[in-house]
Amino acid sequence: MKKILFTLSFIFTLVVGQLFAQSRPMHEIHSMMMYNFTKYIQWPESSGNFVIGVLGDDEVYSTLNTWYNGKVKGNRKFKIVKYNSVEEIQSVEMLYIAKTSSKNFEEIKGKVDSHTLIITDKLGLAKRGSDINFKMVNNRLAFELNKASIEASSLKVSSQLMSMAILI
């Protein structure tokens, strides 16, 4: 019964989110989806803040910072951090790499911890090792999920999230 309620609430969230998102700018949709990913992905136990880093997109950073900075996830608080260069990147649980900053993808991927969820927004990056990549399909935002990359990262993804993704 609990699993059915969980699945129904997830589907409801996605349907309502799609209707709501149609009138929203893309940076807000990306921010909402990233926040929702944290509900369906389990990171290794850790203390301190739950850090979400943003490389290269001021609007995504501003939205995440305004809406989610300081919110509680379990026993940790969200901390949103803006990076202006690859050299600035430190330990984060989630890293969003904007399309404009993805030319250094391999260098960025080599710089983050193995348990960092890497989210991108450029065609082809899921196949190159991004964990989640946003993609437009039939004029709707979808996301690709790289199963091999996720499995190598010590992250556990719920089957509900996997069922909504384009699996790579």
C-alpha atoms as a PDB file:
ATOM      1  CA  MET A   1       0.000   0.000   0.000  1.00  0.00           C
ATOM      2  CA  LYS A   2       2.839   2.381   0.899  1.00  0.00           C
ATOM      3  CA  LYS A   3       4.560   1.681  -2.428  1.00  0.00           C
ATOM      4  CA  ILE A   4       1.329   2.379  -4.344  1.00  0.00           C
ATOM      5  CA  LEU A   5       0.832   5.706  -2.555  1.00  0.00           C
ATOM      6  CA  PHE A   6       4.466   6.627  -3.203  1.00  0.00           C
ATOM      7  CA  THR A   7       4.116   5.802  -6.921  1.00  0.00           C
ATOM      8  CA  LEU A   8       0.834   7.697  -7.220  1.00  0.00           C
ATOM      9  CA  SER A   9       2.287  10.770  -5.505  1.00  0.00           C
ATOM     10  CA  PHE A  10       5.326  10.644  -7.794  1.00  0.00           C
ATOM     11  CA  ILE A  11       3.138  10.423 -10.905  1.00  0.00           C
ATOM     12  CA  PHE A  12       0.881  13.216  -9.600  1.00  0.00           C
ATOM     13  CA  THR A  13       3.929  15.403  -8.966  1.00  0.00           C
ATOM     14  CA  LEU A  14       5.196  14.831 -12.502  1.00  0.00           C
ATOM     15  CA  VAL A  15       1.812  15.466 -14.158  1.00  0.00           C
ATOM     16  CA  VAL A  16       1.119  18.612 -12.138  1.00  0.00           C
ATOM     17  CA  GLY A  17       4.739  19.639 -12.638  1.00  0.00           C
ATOM     18  CA  GLN A  18       4.408  19.294 -16.416  1.00  0.00           C
ATOM     19  CA  LEU A  19       1.248  21.415 -16.461  1.00  0.00           C
ATOM     20  CA  PHE A  20       2.814  23.986 -14.154  1.00  0.00           C
ATOM     21  CA  ALA A  21       6.128  23.910 -16.002  1.00  0.00           C
ATOM     22  CA  GLN A  22       4.662  24.762 -19.400  1.00  0.00           C
ATOM     23  CA  SER A  23       4.420  28.403 -18.367  1.00  0.00           C
ATOM     24  CA  ARG A  24       7.751  28.517 -16.535  1.00  0.00           C
ATOM     25  CA  PRO A  25      11.177  29.552 -17.839  1.00  0.00           C
ATOM     26  CA  MET A  26      13.579  26.660 -18.421  1.00  0.00           C
ATOM     27  CA  HIS A  27      15.903  27.616 -15.537  1.00  0.00           C
ATOM     28  CA  GLU A  28      12.989  27.270 -13.107  1.00  0.00           C
ATOM     29  CA  ILE A  29      12.009  23.891 -14.553  1.00  0.00           C
ATOM     30  CA  HIS A  30      15.599  22.644 -14.289  1.00  0.00           C
ATOM     31  CA  SER A  31      15.753  23.852 -10.682  1.00  0.00           C
ATOM     32  CA  MET A  32      12.490  22.143  -9.734  1.00  0.00           C
ATOM     33  CA  MET A  33      13.567  18.888 -11.356  1.00  0.00           C
ATOM     34  CA  MET A  34      16.953  18.963  -9.631  1.00  0.00           C
ATOM     35  CA  TYR A  35      15.273  19.448  -6.270  1.00  0.00           C
ATOM     36  CA  ASN A  36      12.883  16.585  -7.009  1.00  0.00           C
ATOM     37  CA  PHE A  37      15.793  14.318  -7.969  1.00  0.00           C
ATOM     38  CA  THR A  38      17.023  14.617  -4.370  1.00  0.00           C
ATOM     39  CA  LYS A  39      13.824  12.889  -3.238  1.00  0.00           C
ATOM     40  CA  TYR A  40      14.418   9.811  -5.399  1.00  0.00           C
ATOM     41  CA  ILE A  41      18.188   9.392  -5.125  1.00  0.00           C
ATOM     42  CA  GLN A  42      20.037   8.194  -2.056  1.00  0.00           C
ATOM     43  CA  TRP A  43      23.571   9.431  -1.357  1.00  0.00           C
ATOM     44  CA  PRO A  44      26.056   7.748   0.988  1.00  0.00           C
ATOM     45  CA  GLU A  45      25.688   8.830   4.630  1.00  0.00           C
ATOM     46  CA  SER A  46      27.371  12.131   5.305  1.00  0.00           C
ATOM     47  CA  SER A  47      27.243  15.036   7.705  1.00  0.00           C
ATOM     48  CA  GLY A  48      27.262  18.742   7.040  1.00  0.00           C
ATOM     49  CA  ASN A  49      25.334  20.532   4.318  1.00  0.00           C
ATOM     50  CA  PHE A  50      23.881  18.931   1.206  1.00  0.00           C
ATOM     51  CA  VAL A  51      25.746  20.963  -1.403  1.00  0.00           C
ATOM     52  CA  ILE A  52      24.364  21.637  -4.872  1.00  0.00           C
ATOM     53  CA  GLY A  53      26.891  23.296  -7.154  1.00  0.00           C
ATOM     54  CA  VAL A  54      26.100  25.195 -10.340  1.00  0.00           C
ATOM     55  CA  LEU A  55      28.712  25.794 -13.009  1.00  0.00           C
ATOM     56  CA  GLY A  56      27.904  28.395 -15.638  1.00  0.00           C
ATOM     57  CA  ASP A  57      24.232  29.318 -15.303  1.00  0.00           C
ATOM     58  CA  ASP A  58      23.390  32.335 -13.155  1.00  0.00           C
ATOM     59  CA  GLU A  59      19.630  31.872 -13.566  1.00  0.00           C
ATOM     60  CA  VAL A  60      19.646  28.234 -12.367  1.00  0.00           C
ATOM     61  CA  TYR A  61      21.891  29.235  -9.477  1.00  0.00           C
ATOM     62  CA  SER A  62      19.673  32.183  -8.501  1.00  0.00           C
ATOM     63  CA  THR A  63      16.511  30.067  -8.639  1.00  0.00           C
ATOM     64  CA  LEU A  64      18.000  27.197  -6.623  1.00  0.00           C
ATOM     65  CA  ASN A  65      19.441  29.648  -4.114  1.00  0.00           C
ATOM     66  CA  THR A  66      16.176  31.560  -3.691  1.00  0.00           C
ATOM     67  CA  TRP A  67      13.883  28.534  -3.536  1.00  0.00           C
ATOM     68  CA  TYR A  68      15.946  25.856  -1.795  1.00  0.00           C
ATOM     69  CA  ASN A  69      19.004  27.253   0.020  1.00  0.00           C
ATOM     70  CA  GLY A  70      18.636  26.402   3.715  1.00  0.00           C
ATOM     71  CA  LYS A  71      15.791  23.918   3.188  1.00  0.00           C
ATOM     72  CA  VAL A  72      16.225  20.657   5.073  1.00  0.00           C
ATOM     73  CA  LYS A  73      16.883  17.273   3.431  1.00  0.00           C
ATOM     74  CA  GLY A  74      16.776  14.622   6.144  1.00  0.00           C
ATOM     75  CA  ASN A  75      19.161  15.906   8.795  1.00  0.00           C
ATOM     76  CA  ARG A  76      21.093  18.164   6.385  1.00  0.00           C
ATOM     77  CA  LYS A  77      20.466  21.612   4.939  1.00  0.00           C
ATOM     78  CA  PHE A  78      20.730  22.470   1.271  1.00  0.00           C
ATOM     79  CA  LYS A  79      23.579  24.810   0.422  1.00  0.00           C
ATOM     80  CA  ILE A  80      23.656  26.203  -3.108  1.00  0.00           C
ATOM     81  CA  VAL A  81      27.082  27.185  -4.458  1.00  0.00           C
ATOM     82  CA  LYS A  82      27.939  29.027  -7.697  1.00  0.00           C
ATOM     83  CA  TYR A  83      31.156  28.143  -9.512  1.00  0.00           C
ATOM     84  CA  ASN A  84      32.589  30.410 -12.190  1.00  0.00           C
ATOM     85  CA  SER A  85      35.376  28.048 -13.259  1.00  0.00           C
ATOM     86  CA  VAL A  86      36.358  24.391 -13.090  1.00  0.00           C
ATOM     87  CA  GLU A  87      39.164  25.251 -10.665  1.00  0.00           C
ATOM     88  CA  GLU A  88      36.653  26.500  -8.060  1.00  0.00           C
ATOM     89  CA  ILE A  89      34.686  23.221  -7.880  1.00  0.00           C
ATOM     90  CA  GLN A  90      34.846  21.517  -4.506  1.00  0.00           C
ATOM     91  CA  SER A  91      33.080  18.573  -2.901  1.00  0.00           C
ATOM     92  CA  VAL A  92      29.366  18.588  -3.781  1.00  0.00           C
ATOM     93  CA  GLU A  93      26.533  16.086  -3.743  1.00  0.00           C
ATOM     94  CA  MET A  94      25.039  17.415  -6.978  1.00  0.00           C
ATOM     95  CA  LEU A  95      26.657  19.454  -9.744  1.00  0.00           C
ATOM     96  CA  TYR A  96      24.715  21.136 -12.546  1.00  0.00           C
ATOM     97  CA  ILE A  97      26.868  21.904 -15.581  1.00  0.00           C
ATOM     98  CA  ALA A  98      25.254  24.410 -17.932  1.00  0.00           C
ATOM     99  CA  LYS A  99      25.470  23.915 -21.672  1.00  0.00           C
ATOM    100  CA  THR A 100      27.878  26.858 -21.935  1.00  0.00           C
ATOM    101  CA  SER A 101      30.318  25.252 -19.465  1.00  0.00           C
ATOM    102  CA  SER A 102      30.212  21.707 -20.795  1.00  0.00           C
ATOM    103  CA  LYS A 103      33.200  22.019 -23.133  1.00  0.00           C
ATOM    104  CA  ASN A 104      35.393  21.006 -20.166  1.00  0.00           C
ATOM    105  CA  PHE A 105      33.173  18.041 -19.254  1.00  0.00           C
ATOM    106  CA  GLU A 106      35.946  15.444 -18.879  1.00  0.00           C
ATOM    107  CA  GLU A 107      38.019  17.760 -16.684  1.00  0.00           C
ATOM    108  CA  ILE A 108      34.969  18.534 -14.530  1.00  0.00           C
ATOM    109  CA  LYS A 109      34.035  14.860 -14.230  1.00  0.00           C
ATOM    110  CA  GLY A 110      37.580  14.061 -13.106  1.00  0.00           C
ATOM    111  CA  LYS A 111      37.475  16.778 -10.454  1.00  0.00           C
ATOM    112  CA  VAL A 112      34.328  15.730  -8.540  1.00  0.00           C
ATOM    113  CA  ASP A 113      33.927  12.941  -6.001  1.00  0.00           C
ATOM    114  CA  SER A 114      32.606   9.584  -7.153  1.00  0.00           C
ATOM    115  CA  HIS A 115      29.345  10.137  -5.234  1.00  0.00           C
ATOM    116  CA  THR A 116      28.557  13.453  -6.956  1.00  0.00           C
ATOM    117  CA  LEU A 117      25.449  13.402  -9.138  1.00  0.00           C
ATOM    118  CA  ILE A 118      26.415  15.209 -12.354  1.00  0.00           C
ATOM    119  CA  ILE A 119      23.526  16.872 -14.194  1.00  0.00           C
ATOM    120  CA  THR A 120      24.013  18.379 -17.638  1.00  0.00           C
ATOM    121  CA  ASP A 121      22.008  20.059 -20.365  1.00  0.00           C
ATOM    122  CA  LYS A 122      23.751  19.233 -23.628  1.00  0.00           C
ATOM    123  CA  LEU A 123      23.047  16.618 -26.239  1.00  0.00           C
ATOM    124  CA  GLY A 124      25.415  13.643 -25.981  1.00  0.00           C
ATOM    125  CA  LEU A 125      26.736  14.205 -22.462  1.00  0.00           C
ATOM    126  CA  ALA A 126      24.756  11.322 -20.937  1.00  0.00           C
ATOM    127  CA  LYS A 127      26.646   8.944 -23.206  1.00  0.00           C
ATOM    128  CA  ARG A 128      29.936  10.567 -22.134  1.00  0.00           C
ATOM    129  CA  GLY A 129      29.315   9.993 -18.419  1.00  0.00           C
ATOM    130  CA  SER A 130      26.830  12.548 -17.140  1.00  0.00           C
ATOM    131  CA  ASP A 131      24.510  10.890 -14.623  1.00  0.00           C
ATOM    132  CA  ILE A 132      21.446  12.865 -15.733  1.00  0.00           C
ATOM    133  CA  ASN A 133      21.117  14.975 -18.862  1.00  0.00           C
ATOM    134  CA  PHE A 134      18.160  17.237 -19.670  1.00  0.00           C
ATOM    135  CA  LYS A 135      16.809  16.818 -23.180  1.00  0.00           C
ATOM    136  CA  MET A 136      13.856  18.106 -25.213  1.00  0.00           C
ATOM    137  CA  VAL A 137      11.592  15.402 -26.639  1.00  0.00           C
ATOM    138  CA  ASN A 138       8.499  16.438 -28.626  1.00  0.00           C
ATOM    139  CA  ASN A 139       8.797  19.975 -27.218  1.00  0.00           C
ATOM    140  CA  ARG A 140       8.787  18.687 -23.637  1.00  0.00           C
ATOM    141  CA  LEU A 141      11.624  18.499 -21.183  1.00  0.00           C
ATOM    142  CA  ALA A 142      12.761  14.950 -20.466  1.00  0.00           C
ATOM    143  CA  PHE A 143      15.887  13.540 -18.876  1.00  0.00           C
ATOM    144  CA  GLU A 144      18.359  10.830 -19.731  1.00  0.00           C
ATOM    145  CA  LEU A 145      19.795   8.690 -16.948  1.00  0.00           C
ATOM    146  CA  ASN A 146      23.130   6.941 -17.476  1.00  0.00           C
ATOM    147  CA  LYS A 147      22.740   3.661 -15.546  1.00  0.00           C
ATOM    148  CA  ALA A 148      26.429   2.706 -15.745  1.00  0.00           C
ATOM    149  CA  SER A 149      27.567   6.073 -14.442  1.00  0.00           C
ATOM    150  CA  ILE A 150      25.034   5.990 -11.597  1.00  0.00           C
ATOM    151  CA  GLU A 151      26.036   2.437 -10.618  1.00  0.00           C
ATOM    152  CA  ALA A 152      29.699   3.478 -10.483  1.00  0.00           C
ATOM    153  CA  SER A 153      28.899   6.449  -8.240  1.00  0.00           C
ATOM    154  CA  SER A 154      27.583   4.739  -5.058  1.00  0.00           C
ATOM    155  CA  LEU A 155      24.229   6.471  -5.568  1.00  0.00           C
ATOM    156  CA  LYS A 156      20.963   4.573  -5.314  1.00  0.00           C
ATOM    157  CA  VAL A 157      18.192   5.653  -7.676  1.00  0.00           C
ATOM    158  CA  SER A 158      14.578   4.692  -7.039  1.00  0.00           C
ATOM    159  CA  SER A 159      12.841   2.558  -9.620  1.00  0.00           C
ATOM    160  CA  GLN A 160      10.172   5.279  -9.895  1.00  0.00           C
ATOM    161  CA  LEU A 161      12.751   7.797 -11.128  1.00  0.00           C
ATOM    162  CA  MET A 162      14.277   5.256 -13.488  1.00  0.00           C
ATOM    163  CA  SER A 163      10.870   4.515 -14.960  1.00  0.00           C
ATOM    164  CA  MET A 164      10.463   8.187 -15.899  1.00  0.00           C
ATOM    165  CA  ALA A 165      13.917   8.523 -17.474  1.00  0.00           C
ATOM    166  CA  ILE A 166      15.322   7.765 -20.879  1.00  0.00           C
ATOM    167  CA  LEU A 167      17.843   5.100 -19.876  1.00  0.00           C
ATOM    168  CA  ILE A 168      21.302   5.242 -21.431  1.00  0.00           C
END
